[in-house]
Amino acid sequence: MDEAVAFYAALGKKPRVLRKEIPGFVANRLQAALFRECVYLVSEGVVTLDELDDIVTNSIGLRWATGGPFLSFHLGGGPGGLPAFIKHLGPGLEKRWESQSEEMVHLDDEFVRLVTDQVENSFGAVPYEALETERDQKEIAIVRSLAALAASKGTGEKSNE
């Protein structure tokens, strides 16, 4: 295990060792869950493949590239952070999850306590505004970099600024 971690770290990756064994790779499980919804949206005629890819690329793709889902939702809760996000949008998320999966994750008090502690350990020392500013600066840098790359290749892609 240590050799694999060292190998990927030497390549500039950020390998993570799972705390408990589960089937599949974490990133692949996340990708599969998102892809399932993508397939549904396209098959139901809600969006086209191109529209969906554009939506993901120019929204959650940028957000998750700079902070991951928990930081994004922590910031989505405003100054109240993840607990405020869950309180405001949790019931709607649970309803959506019930229609998408038999494996339910409940946003109960125990879960809120668990993630609140983790959020505090991860982000609590950094003011909300600083996290938000850093995220925004990173997203702008990604957009500018992609636009510059496209311009240098002559692909004519539009900037999102």
N, C-alpha and C. Protein backbone atom coordinates (compact mmCIF):
# COMPACT_ATOMS: atom_id res chain seq x y z
N MET A 1 0.83 -1.19 0.00
CA MET A 1 0.00 0.00 0.00
C MET A 1 0.87 1.25 0.00
N ASP A 2 1.89 1.26 0.86
CA ASP A 2 2.77 2.43 0.95
C ASP A 2 3.48 2.70 -0.37
N GLU A 3 3.85 1.62 -1.08
CA GLU A 3 4.52 1.79 -2.37
C GLU A 3 3.58 2.43 -3.39
N ALA A 4 2.34 2.01 -3.40
CA ALA A 4 1.36 2.58 -4.33
C ALA A 4 1.13 4.06 -4.03
N VAL A 5 0.98 4.39 -2.76
CA VAL A 5 0.78 5.79 -2.36
C VAL A 5 1.99 6.62 -2.79
N ALA A 6 3.20 6.12 -2.54
CA ALA A 6 4.41 6.85 -2.91
C ALA A 6 4.51 7.02 -4.43
N PHE A 7 4.15 5.97 -5.18
CA PHE A 7 4.20 6.02 -6.64
C PHE A 7 3.30 7.13 -7.17
N TYR A 8 2.03 7.14 -6.74
CA TYR A 8 1.10 8.15 -7.24
C TYR A 8 1.44 9.55 -6.74
N ALA A 9 1.94 9.66 -5.54
CA ALA A 9 2.37 10.97 -5.02
C ALA A 9 3.52 11.51 -5.86
N ALA A 10 4.43 10.64 -6.29
CA ALA A 10 5.56 11.05 -7.12
C ALA A 10 5.10 11.56 -8.49
N LEU A 11 3.93 11.12 -8.91
CA LEU A 11 3.36 11.58 -10.18
C LEU A 11 2.58 12.89 -10.03
N GLY A 12 2.56 13.43 -8.82
CA GLY A 12 1.83 14.67 -8.58
C GLY A 12 0.38 14.45 -8.21
N LYS A 13 -0.01 13.21 -7.99
CA LYS A 13 -1.39 12.90 -7.58
C LYS A 13 -1.52 13.06 -6.07
N LYS A 14 -2.77 13.01 -5.59
CA LYS A 14 -3.04 13.06 -4.15
C LYS A 14 -3.75 11.77 -3.74
N PRO A 15 -2.99 10.66 -3.63
CA PRO A 15 -3.65 9.39 -3.30
C PRO A 15 -4.22 9.41 -1.88
N ARG A 16 -5.34 8.73 -1.72
CA ARG A 16 -5.99 8.60 -0.42
C ARG A 16 -6.22 7.13 -0.14
N VAL A 17 -5.91 6.71 1.08
CA VAL A 17 -6.14 5.33 1.51
C VAL A 17 -7.50 5.30 2.19
N LEU A 18 -8.35 4.39 1.73
CA LEU A 18 -9.70 4.29 2.27
C LEU A 18 -9.67 3.86 3.73
N ARG A 19 -10.60 4.37 4.49
CA ARG A 19 -10.70 4.03 5.91
C ARG A 19 -11.43 2.71 6.13
N LYS A 20 -12.12 2.26 5.09
CA LYS A 20 -12.84 0.99 5.17
C LYS A 20 -13.02 0.48 3.75
N GLU A 21 -12.99 -0.83 3.60
CA GLU A 21 -13.07 -1.43 2.28
C GLU A 21 -14.51 -1.42 1.76
N ILE A 22 -14.64 -1.02 0.51
CA ILE A 22 -15.92 -1.03 -0.20
C ILE A 22 -15.67 -1.48 -1.63
N PRO A 23 -16.70 -1.97 -2.32
CA PRO A 23 -16.51 -2.33 -3.72
C PRO A 23 -16.28 -1.08 -4.57
N GLY A 24 -15.29 -1.11 -5.42
CA GLY A 24 -15.04 -0.03 -6.36
C GLY A 24 -14.20 1.10 -5.79
N PHE A 25 -13.72 1.94 -6.69
CA PHE A 25 -12.95 3.12 -6.31
C PHE A 25 -13.91 4.25 -5.96
N VAL A 26 -13.55 5.06 -5.00
CA VAL A 26 -14.43 6.16 -4.57
C VAL A 26 -14.77 7.07 -5.74
N ALA A 27 -13.77 7.51 -6.49
CA ALA A 27 -14.04 8.42 -7.61
C ALA A 27 -14.95 7.77 -8.64
N ASN A 28 -14.76 6.48 -8.89
CA ASN A 28 -15.62 5.79 -9.86
C ASN A 28 -17.05 5.67 -9.35
N ARG A 29 -17.21 5.44 -8.05
CA ARG A 29 -18.56 5.37 -7.48
C ARG A 29 -19.27 6.71 -7.62
N LEU A 30 -18.54 7.79 -7.34
CA LEU A 30 -19.12 9.12 -7.48
C LEU A 30 -19.48 9.40 -8.94
N GLN A 31 -18.56 9.05 -9.83
CA GLN A 31 -18.80 9.27 -11.25
C GLN A 31 -20.00 8.45 -11.72
N ALA A 32 -20.12 7.22 -11.24
CA ALA A 32 -21.25 6.37 -11.64
C ALA A 32 -22.57 6.95 -11.16
N ALA A 33 -22.59 7.47 -9.94
CA ALA A 33 -23.83 8.06 -9.41
C ALA A 33 -24.23 9.29 -10.23
N LEU A 34 -23.27 10.13 -10.54
CA LEU A 34 -23.56 11.31 -11.35
C LEU A 34 -23.96 10.91 -12.77
N PHE A 35 -23.24 9.92 -13.31
CA PHE A 35 -23.55 9.49 -14.67
C PHE A 35 -24.94 8.89 -14.77
N ARG A 36 -25.38 8.17 -13.75
CA ARG A 36 -26.74 7.62 -13.73
C ARG A 36 -27.75 8.73 -13.91
N GLU A 37 -27.57 9.83 -13.21
CA GLU A 37 -28.49 10.96 -13.33
C GLU A 37 -28.35 11.62 -14.70
N CYS A 38 -27.13 11.68 -15.21
CA CYS A 38 -26.92 12.25 -16.55
C CYS A 38 -27.68 11.44 -17.60
N VAL A 39 -27.56 10.11 -17.50
CA VAL A 39 -28.27 9.24 -18.44
C VAL A 39 -29.77 9.45 -18.33
N TYR A 40 -30.29 9.53 -17.13
CA TYR A 40 -31.72 9.76 -16.92
C TYR A 40 -32.15 11.08 -17.57
N LEU A 41 -31.43 12.16 -17.30
CA LEU A 41 -31.82 13.47 -17.82
C LEU A 41 -31.81 13.49 -19.34
N VAL A 42 -30.82 12.84 -19.93
CA VAL A 42 -30.76 12.80 -21.39
C VAL A 42 -31.85 11.89 -21.94
N SER A 43 -32.04 10.71 -21.34
CA SER A 43 -33.04 9.76 -21.85
C SER A 43 -34.46 10.30 -21.72
N GLU A 44 -34.71 11.15 -20.74
CA GLU A 44 -36.03 11.74 -20.56
C GLU A 44 -36.23 12.99 -21.41
N GLY A 45 -35.20 13.40 -22.15
CA GLY A 45 -35.31 14.58 -22.99
C GLY A 45 -35.24 15.90 -22.24
N VAL A 46 -34.76 15.86 -21.03
CA VAL A 46 -34.63 17.09 -20.23
C VAL A 46 -33.56 17.98 -20.83
N VAL A 47 -32.44 17.38 -21.23
CA VAL A 47 -31.33 18.07 -21.88
C VAL A 47 -30.71 17.14 -22.90
N THR A 48 -29.92 17.70 -23.80
CA THR A 48 -29.13 16.89 -24.72
C THR A 48 -27.79 16.56 -24.07
N LEU A 49 -27.07 15.64 -24.68
CA LEU A 49 -25.73 15.31 -24.18
C LEU A 49 -24.84 16.55 -24.12
N ASP A 50 -24.85 17.33 -25.21
CA ASP A 50 -24.02 18.53 -25.26
C ASP A 50 -24.42 19.53 -24.19
N GLU A 51 -25.72 19.72 -24.03
CA GLU A 51 -26.19 20.66 -22.99
C GLU A 51 -25.77 20.18 -21.61
N LEU A 52 -25.92 18.88 -21.37
CA LEU A 52 -25.56 18.35 -20.06
C LEU A 52 -24.06 18.51 -19.81
N ASP A 53 -23.24 18.15 -20.80
CA ASP A 53 -21.80 18.32 -20.63
C ASP A 53 -21.44 19.78 -20.39
N ASP A 54 -22.10 20.68 -21.11
CA ASP A 54 -21.85 22.11 -20.92
C ASP A 54 -22.25 22.55 -19.51
N ILE A 55 -23.38 22.07 -19.05
CA ILE A 55 -23.85 22.41 -17.70
C ILE A 55 -22.85 21.93 -16.65
N VAL A 56 -22.41 20.67 -16.76
CA VAL A 56 -21.47 20.12 -15.78
C VAL A 56 -20.13 20.83 -15.87
N THR A 57 -19.62 21.00 -17.09
CA THR A 57 -18.31 21.63 -17.27
C THR A 57 -18.28 23.04 -16.72
N ASN A 58 -19.35 23.77 -16.90
CA ASN A 58 -19.35 25.19 -16.53
C ASN A 58 -20.00 25.47 -15.18
N SER A 59 -20.30 24.43 -14.42
CA SER A 59 -20.88 24.66 -13.09
C SER A 59 -20.19 23.77 -12.07
N ILE A 60 -20.73 22.59 -11.83
CA ILE A 60 -20.14 21.75 -10.78
C ILE A 60 -18.72 21.31 -11.11
N GLY A 61 -18.39 21.18 -12.38
CA GLY A 61 -17.02 20.81 -12.74
C GLY A 61 -16.02 21.82 -12.23
N LEU A 62 -16.33 23.09 -12.44
CA LEU A 62 -15.45 24.15 -11.93
C LEU A 62 -15.45 24.18 -10.42
N ARG A 63 -16.64 24.10 -9.83
CA ARG A 63 -16.74 24.15 -8.37
C ARG A 63 -15.98 23.01 -7.73
N TRP A 64 -16.18 21.80 -8.22
CA TRP A 64 -15.56 20.63 -7.60
C TRP A 64 -14.06 20.60 -7.87
N ALA A 65 -13.61 21.17 -8.97
CA ALA A 65 -12.17 21.24 -9.24
C ALA A 65 -11.46 22.11 -8.21
N THR A 66 -12.18 23.03 -7.61
CA THR A 66 -11.55 23.96 -6.68
C THR A 66 -11.81 23.62 -5.22
N GLY A 67 -12.75 22.75 -4.93
CA GLY A 67 -13.02 22.51 -3.51
C GLY A 67 -13.73 21.24 -3.16
N GLY A 68 -14.23 20.49 -4.11
CA GLY A 68 -14.95 19.27 -3.78
C GLY A 68 -16.37 19.53 -3.32
N PRO A 69 -17.19 18.47 -3.26
CA PRO A 69 -18.60 18.66 -2.95
C PRO A 69 -18.89 19.17 -1.54
N PHE A 70 -18.17 18.69 -0.53
CA PHE A 70 -18.50 19.15 0.83
C PHE A 70 -18.16 20.62 1.04
N LEU A 71 -17.02 21.07 0.51
CA LEU A 71 -16.70 22.49 0.62
C LEU A 71 -17.71 23.32 -0.17
N SER A 72 -18.11 22.83 -1.36
CA SER A 72 -19.10 23.56 -2.16
C SER A 72 -20.42 23.72 -1.41
N PHE A 73 -20.89 22.65 -0.77
CA PHE A 73 -22.15 22.75 -0.04
C PHE A 73 -21.99 23.52 1.26
N HIS A 74 -20.81 23.44 1.87
CA HIS A 74 -20.52 24.26 3.05
C HIS A 74 -20.63 25.74 2.66
N LEU A 75 -20.05 26.11 1.55
CA LEU A 75 -20.16 27.49 1.07
C LEU A 75 -21.58 27.79 0.61
N GLY A 76 -22.27 26.79 0.06
CA GLY A 76 -23.65 26.97 -0.38
C GLY A 76 -24.59 27.27 0.77
N GLY A 77 -24.18 26.93 1.98
CA GLY A 77 -24.98 27.24 3.17
C GLY A 77 -24.78 28.65 3.67
N GLY A 78 -23.96 29.44 2.93
CA GLY A 78 -23.70 30.81 3.37
C GLY A 78 -22.89 30.80 4.65
N PRO A 79 -22.92 31.89 5.38
CA PRO A 79 -22.14 31.96 6.62
C PRO A 79 -22.49 30.86 7.62
N GLY A 80 -23.69 30.27 7.51
CA GLY A 80 -24.08 29.17 8.39
C GLY A 80 -23.48 27.84 8.00
N GLY A 81 -22.82 27.79 6.86
CA GLY A 81 -22.11 26.60 6.42
C GLY A 81 -22.99 25.40 6.11
N LEU A 82 -22.39 24.23 6.22
CA LEU A 82 -23.07 22.99 5.86
C LEU A 82 -24.33 22.73 6.69
N PRO A 83 -24.33 23.01 7.99
CA PRO A 83 -25.58 22.79 8.74
C PRO A 83 -26.74 23.64 8.19
N ALA A 84 -26.46 24.88 7.80
CA ALA A 84 -27.52 25.74 7.24
C ALA A 84 -27.98 25.20 5.89
N PHE A 85 -27.04 24.71 5.09
CA PHE A 85 -27.39 24.14 3.80
C PHE A 85 -28.32 22.94 3.99
N ILE A 86 -27.94 22.04 4.91
CA ILE A 86 -28.74 20.84 5.15
C ILE A 86 -30.12 21.21 5.71
N LYS A 87 -30.16 22.15 6.62
CA LYS A 87 -31.45 22.55 7.18
C LYS A 87 -32.38 23.11 6.10
N HIS A 88 -31.82 23.91 5.20
CA HIS A 88 -32.63 24.56 4.17
C HIS A 88 -33.01 23.61 3.03
N LEU A 89 -32.03 22.84 2.54
CA LEU A 89 -32.27 22.04 1.35
C LEU A 89 -32.30 20.53 1.61
N GLY A 90 -31.96 20.10 2.82
CA GLY A 90 -31.92 18.68 3.14
C GLY A 90 -33.19 17.91 2.85
N PRO A 91 -34.36 18.42 3.28
CA PRO A 91 -35.59 17.67 3.00
C PRO A 91 -35.83 17.45 1.50
N GLY A 92 -35.55 18.44 0.69
CA GLY A 92 -35.70 18.29 -0.76
C GLY A 92 -34.70 17.30 -1.33
N LEU A 93 -33.48 17.31 -0.81
CA LEU A 93 -32.48 16.35 -1.26
C LEU A 93 -32.89 14.93 -0.91
N GLU A 94 -33.39 14.73 0.30
CA GLU A 94 -33.82 13.39 0.69
C GLU A 94 -34.94 12.88 -0.22
N LYS A 95 -35.88 13.74 -0.58
CA LYS A 95 -36.97 13.33 -1.48
C LYS A 95 -36.40 12.91 -2.84
N ARG A 96 -35.43 13.67 -3.35
CA ARG A 96 -34.81 13.34 -4.63
C ARG A 96 -34.07 12.01 -4.52
N TRP A 97 -33.33 11.81 -3.43
CA TRP A 97 -32.58 10.57 -3.25
C TRP A 97 -33.51 9.36 -3.17
N GLU A 98 -34.67 9.52 -2.53
CA GLU A 98 -35.62 8.40 -2.43
C GLU A 98 -36.06 7.95 -3.81
N SER A 99 -36.20 8.90 -4.73
CA SER A 99 -36.63 8.53 -6.08
C SER A 99 -35.47 8.00 -6.92
N GLN A 100 -34.24 8.18 -6.46
CA GLN A 100 -33.07 7.77 -7.25
C GLN A 100 -32.43 6.48 -6.77
N SER A 101 -32.63 6.10 -5.54
CA SER A 101 -31.86 4.98 -5.01
C SER A 101 -32.59 4.27 -3.88
N GLU A 102 -32.34 2.98 -3.74
CA GLU A 102 -32.88 2.24 -2.61
C GLU A 102 -31.99 2.41 -1.38
N GLU A 103 -30.75 2.77 -1.59
CA GLU A 103 -29.81 2.99 -0.47
C GLU A 103 -29.94 4.43 -0.01
N MET A 104 -30.61 4.62 1.10
CA MET A 104 -30.85 5.98 1.60
C MET A 104 -29.77 6.43 2.56
N VAL A 105 -29.43 7.69 2.46
CA VAL A 105 -28.61 8.37 3.45
C VAL A 105 -29.51 9.42 4.06
N HIS A 106 -29.72 9.33 5.36
CA HIS A 106 -30.62 10.27 6.02
C HIS A 106 -29.84 11.45 6.57
N LEU A 107 -30.35 12.62 6.36
CA LEU A 107 -29.72 13.83 6.87
C LEU A 107 -30.28 14.13 8.26
N ASP A 108 -30.09 13.18 9.16
CA ASP A 108 -30.60 13.31 10.52
C ASP A 108 -29.59 14.04 11.41
N ASP A 109 -29.96 14.23 12.67
CA ASP A 109 -29.10 14.96 13.60
C ASP A 109 -27.73 14.32 13.76
N GLU A 110 -27.69 13.00 13.76
CA GLU A 110 -26.40 12.31 13.90
C GLU A 110 -25.48 12.65 12.73
N PHE A 111 -26.03 12.62 11.52
CA PHE A 111 -25.24 12.96 10.35
C PHE A 111 -24.79 14.42 10.39
N VAL A 112 -25.69 15.30 10.76
CA VAL A 112 -25.34 16.72 10.84
C VAL A 112 -24.21 16.93 11.84
N ARG A 113 -24.28 16.26 12.98
CA ARG A 113 -23.21 16.38 13.98
C ARG A 113 -21.88 15.87 13.41
N LEU A 114 -21.94 14.74 12.74
CA LEU A 114 -20.74 14.15 12.17
C LEU A 114 -20.08 15.10 11.18
N VAL A 115 -20.85 15.61 10.23
CA VAL A 115 -20.24 16.47 9.21
C VAL A 115 -19.93 17.86 9.74
N THR A 116 -20.70 18.33 10.72
CA THR A 116 -20.40 19.63 11.30
C THR A 116 -19.04 19.59 11.97
N ASP A 117 -18.77 18.52 12.70
CA ASP A 117 -17.45 18.38 13.33
C ASP A 117 -16.35 18.33 12.28
N GLN A 118 -16.58 17.59 11.22
CA GLN A 118 -15.57 17.48 10.17
C GLN A 118 -15.38 18.80 9.44
N VAL A 119 -16.47 19.52 9.20
CA VAL A 119 -16.38 20.83 8.55
C VAL A 119 -15.59 21.79 9.42
N GLU A 120 -15.87 21.77 10.71
CA GLU A 120 -15.15 22.65 11.62
C GLU A 120 -13.65 22.33 11.63
N ASN A 121 -13.33 21.03 11.63
CA ASN A 121 -11.92 20.63 11.61
C ASN A 121 -11.25 21.01 10.30
N SER A 122 -11.98 20.92 9.21
CA SER A 122 -11.39 21.20 7.90
C SER A 122 -11.37 22.68 7.54
N PHE A 123 -12.47 23.39 7.81
CA PHE A 123 -12.61 24.76 7.32
C PHE A 123 -12.84 25.79 8.41
N GLY A 124 -13.09 25.33 9.63
CA GLY A 124 -13.50 26.23 10.70
C GLY A 124 -12.53 27.34 11.03
N ALA A 125 -11.23 27.09 10.85
CA ALA A 125 -10.24 28.11 11.18
C ALA A 125 -10.15 29.19 10.11
N VAL A 126 -10.73 28.93 8.95
CA VAL A 126 -10.68 29.89 7.85
C VAL A 126 -12.03 30.59 7.75
N PRO A 127 -12.03 31.92 7.75
CA PRO A 127 -13.31 32.63 7.64
C PRO A 127 -14.05 32.28 6.35
N TYR A 128 -15.37 32.27 6.42
CA TYR A 128 -16.22 31.96 5.27
C TYR A 128 -15.82 32.80 4.07
N GLU A 129 -15.66 34.10 4.26
CA GLU A 129 -15.34 35.00 3.14
C GLU A 129 -14.01 34.62 2.49
N ALA A 130 -13.04 34.18 3.27
CA ALA A 130 -11.75 33.78 2.71
C ALA A 130 -11.89 32.51 1.87
N LEU A 131 -12.67 31.55 2.35
CA LEU A 131 -12.93 30.33 1.57
C LEU A 131 -13.63 30.67 0.26
N GLU A 132 -14.63 31.53 0.37
CA GLU A 132 -15.40 31.93 -0.81
C GLU A 132 -14.51 32.66 -1.82
N THR A 133 -13.69 33.59 -1.34
CA THR A 133 -12.80 34.35 -2.22
C THR A 133 -11.80 33.44 -2.91
N GLU A 134 -11.20 32.53 -2.14
CA GLU A 134 -10.23 31.60 -2.72
C GLU A 134 -10.89 30.73 -3.79
N ARG A 135 -12.07 30.21 -3.49
CA ARG A 135 -12.80 29.39 -4.48
C ARG A 135 -13.07 30.19 -5.74
N ASP A 136 -13.57 31.41 -5.58
CA ASP A 136 -13.89 32.24 -6.74
C ASP A 136 -12.65 32.54 -7.56
N GLN A 137 -11.54 32.84 -6.91
CA GLN A 137 -10.29 33.13 -7.62
C GLN A 137 -9.81 31.91 -8.40
N LYS A 138 -9.94 30.74 -7.81
CA LYS A 138 -9.54 29.51 -8.50
C LYS A 138 -10.43 29.25 -9.71
N GLU A 139 -11.73 29.44 -9.55
CA GLU A 139 -12.63 29.21 -10.68
C GLU A 139 -12.32 30.17 -11.82
N ILE A 140 -12.07 31.43 -11.49
CA ILE A 140 -11.72 32.41 -12.52
C ILE A 140 -10.42 32.01 -13.21
N ALA A 141 -9.44 31.55 -12.43
CA ALA A 141 -8.17 31.13 -13.02
C ALA A 141 -8.36 29.94 -13.96
N ILE A 142 -9.20 28.99 -13.58
CA ILE A 142 -9.48 27.84 -14.44
C ILE A 142 -10.13 28.30 -15.74
N VAL A 143 -11.13 29.15 -15.64
CA VAL A 143 -11.82 29.65 -16.83
C VAL A 143 -10.84 30.38 -17.74
N ARG A 144 -10.03 31.25 -17.17
CA ARG A 144 -9.06 32.00 -17.97
C ARG A 144 -8.04 31.07 -18.61
N SER A 145 -7.57 30.09 -17.86
CA SER A 145 -6.59 29.15 -18.40
C SER A 145 -7.18 28.35 -19.56
N LEU A 146 -8.40 27.87 -19.39
CA LEU A 146 -9.04 27.11 -20.46
C LEU A 146 -9.29 27.98 -21.69
N ALA A 147 -9.69 29.22 -21.48
CA ALA A 147 -9.92 30.14 -22.61
C ALA A 147 -8.60 30.44 -23.33
N ALA A 148 -7.53 30.65 -22.57
CA ALA A 148 -6.22 30.92 -23.18
C ALA A 148 -5.73 29.70 -23.96
N LEU A 149 -5.93 28.52 -23.39
CA LEU A 149 -5.54 27.30 -24.07
C LEU A 149 -6.32 27.13 -25.38
N ALA A 150 -7.62 27.36 -25.32
CA ALA A 150 -8.46 27.25 -26.52
C ALA A 150 -8.02 28.27 -27.57
N ALA A 151 -7.73 29.50 -27.14
CA ALA A 151 -7.30 30.54 -28.08
C ALA A 151 -5.97 30.17 -28.72
N SER A 152 -5.06 29.61 -27.94
CA SER A 152 -3.75 29.24 -28.48
C SER A 152 -3.85 28.10 -29.47
N LYS A 153 -4.88 27.28 -29.33
CA LYS A 153 -5.10 26.16 -30.24
C LYS A 153 -6.00 26.55 -31.40
N GLY A 154 -6.57 27.75 -31.34
CA GLY A 154 -7.45 28.22 -32.40
C GLY A 154 -8.77 27.50 -32.47
N THR A 155 -9.26 26.99 -31.33
CA THR A 155 -10.52 26.25 -31.35
C THR A 155 -11.73 27.16 -31.31
N GLY A 156 -11.52 28.42 -30.96
CA GLY A 156 -12.63 29.36 -30.94
C GLY A 156 -13.61 29.19 -29.81
N GLU A 157 -13.24 28.44 -28.78
CA GLU A 157 -14.15 28.29 -27.64
C GLU A 157 -14.31 29.61 -26.92
N LYS A 158 -15.52 29.84 -26.43
CA LYS A 158 -15.82 31.08 -25.73
C LYS A 158 -15.40 31.01 -24.28
N SER A 159 -15.00 32.16 -23.75
CA SER A 159 -14.71 32.28 -22.33
C SER A 159 -16.01 32.35 -21.56
N ASN A 160 -16.00 31.90 -20.31
CA ASN A 160 -17.19 31.96 -19.46
C ASN A 160 -17.22 33.20 -18.60
N GLU A 161 -16.28 34.10 -18.78
CA GLU A 161 -16.24 35.31 -17.94
C GLU A 161 -17.32 36.28 -18.34
